[in-house]
C-alpha atoms as a PDB file:
ATOM      1  CA  MET A   1      10.118 -11.750  21.223  1.00  0.00           C
ATOM      2  CA  LYS A   2      10.441 -12.203  17.483  1.00  0.00           C
ATOM      3  CA  ARG A   3       9.258  -9.262  15.441  1.00  0.00           C
ATOM      4  CA  HIS A   4       7.545  -9.659  12.092  1.00  0.00           C
ATOM      5  CA  VAL A   5       9.057  -6.814  10.116  1.00  0.00           C
ATOM      6  CA  ASP A   6       8.165  -7.755   6.570  1.00  0.00           C
ATOM      7  CA  GLY A   7       4.463  -8.233   5.954  1.00  0.00           C
ATOM      8  CA  VAL A   8       3.111  -7.088   9.293  1.00  0.00           C
ATOM      9  CA  THR A   9       4.892  -3.742   9.170  1.00  0.00           C
ATOM     10  CA  CYS A  10       3.811  -3.147   5.598  1.00  0.00           C
ATOM     11  CA  GLY A  11       0.248  -4.158   6.452  1.00  0.00           C
ATOM     12  CA  GLY A  12       0.154  -1.828   9.442  1.00  0.00           C
ATOM     13  CA  CYS A  13       1.432   1.099   7.411  1.00  0.00           C
ATOM     14  CA  ALA A  14      -1.043   0.408   4.612  1.00  0.00           C
ATOM     15  CA  LEU A  15      -3.917   0.157   7.095  1.00  0.00           C
ATOM     16  CA  SER A  16      -2.851   3.402   8.739  1.00  0.00           C
ATOM     17  CA  ALA A  17      -2.665   5.191   5.385  1.00  0.00           C
ATOM     18  CA  ALA A  18      -6.082   3.854   4.395  1.00  0.00           C
ATOM     19  CA  GLY A  19      -7.570   5.015   7.693  1.00  0.00           C
ATOM     20  CA  ALA A  20      -5.981   8.466   7.383  1.00  0.00           C
ATOM     21  CA  THR A  21      -7.524   8.757   3.912  1.00  0.00           C
ATOM     22  CA  ALA A  22     -10.948   7.289   4.660  1.00  0.00           C
ATOM     23  CA  ALA A  23     -11.612   9.177   7.913  1.00  0.00           C
ATOM     24  CA  PRO A  24     -11.566  12.694   6.394  1.00  0.00           C
ATOM     25  CA  LEU A  25     -13.675  11.506   3.462  1.00  0.00           C
ATOM     26  CA  LEU A  26     -16.252  10.144   5.878  1.00  0.00           C
ATOM     27  CA  TRP A  27     -16.038  13.317   7.958  1.00  0.00           C
ATOM     28  CA  LEU A  28     -16.635  15.473   4.862  1.00  0.00           C
ATOM     29  CA  SER A  29     -19.689  13.435   3.888  1.00  0.00           C
ATOM     30  CA  MET A  30     -21.514  14.101   7.169  1.00  0.00           C
ATOM     31  CA  SER A  31     -24.302  16.679   7.095  1.00  0.00           C
ATOM     32  CA  ARG A  32     -22.936  18.561  10.081  1.00  0.00           C
ATOM     33  CA  THR A  33     -19.577  19.096   8.376  1.00  0.00           C
ATOM     34  CA  ARG A  34     -21.189  20.112   5.088  1.00  0.00           C
ATOM     35  CA  ARG A  35     -23.302  22.666   6.950  1.00  0.00           C
ATOM     36  CA  HIS A  36     -20.213  24.174   8.598  1.00  0.00           C
ATOM     37  CA  LEU A  37     -18.345  24.330   5.305  1.00  0.00           C
ATOM     38  CA  GLY A  38     -21.003  26.234   3.410  1.00  0.00           C
ATOM     39  CA  GLY A  39     -23.908  23.882   2.951  1.00  0.00           C
ATOM     40  CA  GLY A  40     -26.223  25.993   5.105  1.00  0.00           C
ATOM     41  CA  PHE A  41     -29.015  28.188   3.791  1.00  0.00           C
ATOM     42  CA  GLU A  42     -27.547  31.478   2.505  1.00  0.00           C
ATOM     43  CA  ASP A  43     -24.219  30.817   4.211  1.00  0.00           C
ATOM     44  CA  GLU A  44     -25.786  30.435   7.624  1.00  0.00           C
ATOM     45  CA  GLY A  45     -23.639  28.544  10.037  1.00  0.00           C
ATOM     46  CA  MET A  46     -20.456  28.753   7.979  1.00  0.00           C
ATOM     47  CA  ASP A  47     -17.610  27.989  10.339  1.00  0.00           C
ATOM     48  CA  PHE A  48     -14.270  27.291   8.723  1.00  0.00           C
ATOM     49  CA  SER A  49     -12.591  26.854  12.111  1.00  0.00           C
ATOM     50  CA  VAL A  50     -13.636  23.192  11.941  1.00  0.00           C
ATOM     51  CA  LEU A  51     -10.774  22.749   9.462  1.00  0.00           C
ATOM     52  CA  LEU A  52      -8.326  23.717  12.205  1.00  0.00           C
ATOM     53  CA  THR A  53     -10.079  22.132  15.163  1.00  0.00           C
ATOM     54  CA  GLU A  54     -11.751  18.932  13.975  1.00  0.00           C
ATOM     55  CA  LEU A  55      -9.901  17.893  10.827  1.00  0.00           C
ATOM     56  CA  PRO A  56      -6.503  17.234  12.492  1.00  0.00           C
ATOM     57  CA  PHE A  57      -8.170  14.997  15.072  1.00  0.00           C
ATOM     58  CA  VAL A  58     -10.062  13.154  12.354  1.00  0.00           C
ATOM     59  CA  VAL A  59      -6.862  12.466  10.395  1.00  0.00           C
ATOM     60  CA  VAL A  60      -4.873  11.386  13.460  1.00  0.00           C
ATOM     61  CA  GLY A  61      -7.734   9.233  14.738  1.00  0.00           C
ATOM     62  CA  GLY A  62      -8.233   7.695  11.305  1.00  0.00           C
ATOM     63  CA  ALA A  63      -4.552   6.772  11.139  1.00  0.00           C
ATOM     64  CA  PHE A  64      -4.133   5.679  14.755  1.00  0.00           C
ATOM     65  CA  LEU A  65      -7.226   3.597  15.511  1.00  0.00           C
ATOM     66  CA  PRO A  66      -6.831   1.047  12.684  1.00  0.00           C
ATOM     67  CA  LEU A  67      -3.139   0.754  13.516  1.00  0.00           C
ATOM     68  CA  LEU A  68      -3.933   0.163  17.187  1.00  0.00           C
ATOM     69  CA  ALA A  69      -6.494  -2.523  16.327  1.00  0.00           C
ATOM     70  CA  PHE A  70      -4.036  -4.182  13.944  1.00  0.00           C
ATOM     71  CA  THR A  71      -1.273  -4.147  16.572  1.00  0.00           C
ATOM     72  CA  LEU A  72      -3.539  -5.701  19.191  1.00  0.00           C
ATOM     73  CA  LEU A  73      -4.665  -8.373  16.734  1.00  0.00           C
ATOM     74  CA  VAL A  74      -1.069  -9.275  15.811  1.00  0.00           C
ATOM     75  CA  ARG A  75      -0.055  -9.512  19.476  1.00  0.00           C
ATOM     76  CA  TRP A  76      -3.100 -11.661  20.239  1.00  0.00           C
ATOM     77  CA  VAL A  77      -2.282 -14.029  17.360  1.00  0.00           C
ATOM     78  CA  ASP A  78       1.373 -14.239  18.490  1.00  0.00           C
ATOM     79  CA  ARG A  79       0.329 -15.164  22.015  1.00  0.00           C
ATOM     80  CA  ARG A  80      -2.043 -17.844  20.757  1.00  0.00           C
ATOM     81  CA  ARG A  81       0.785 -19.435  18.773  1.00  0.00           C
ATOM     82  CA  GLY A  82       2.864 -19.658  21.891  1.00  0.00           C
END
């Protein structure tokens, strides 16, 4: 099987980096996260443990899922070419 190292690898890495950047930004913009990080009324519900429990999963998921979709798309296109 011939591997496309040039553009496909660079595209996958760029997509992974974009996902790892966009996922935490989206996570921070959600009302639930803002409430846990101090957006509650008079500091009610402040729970900074979400930074240790949820944030790593958000970053890993944001990096991995776009890369997985990109990999599956590239393999599907390669199989269609024959």
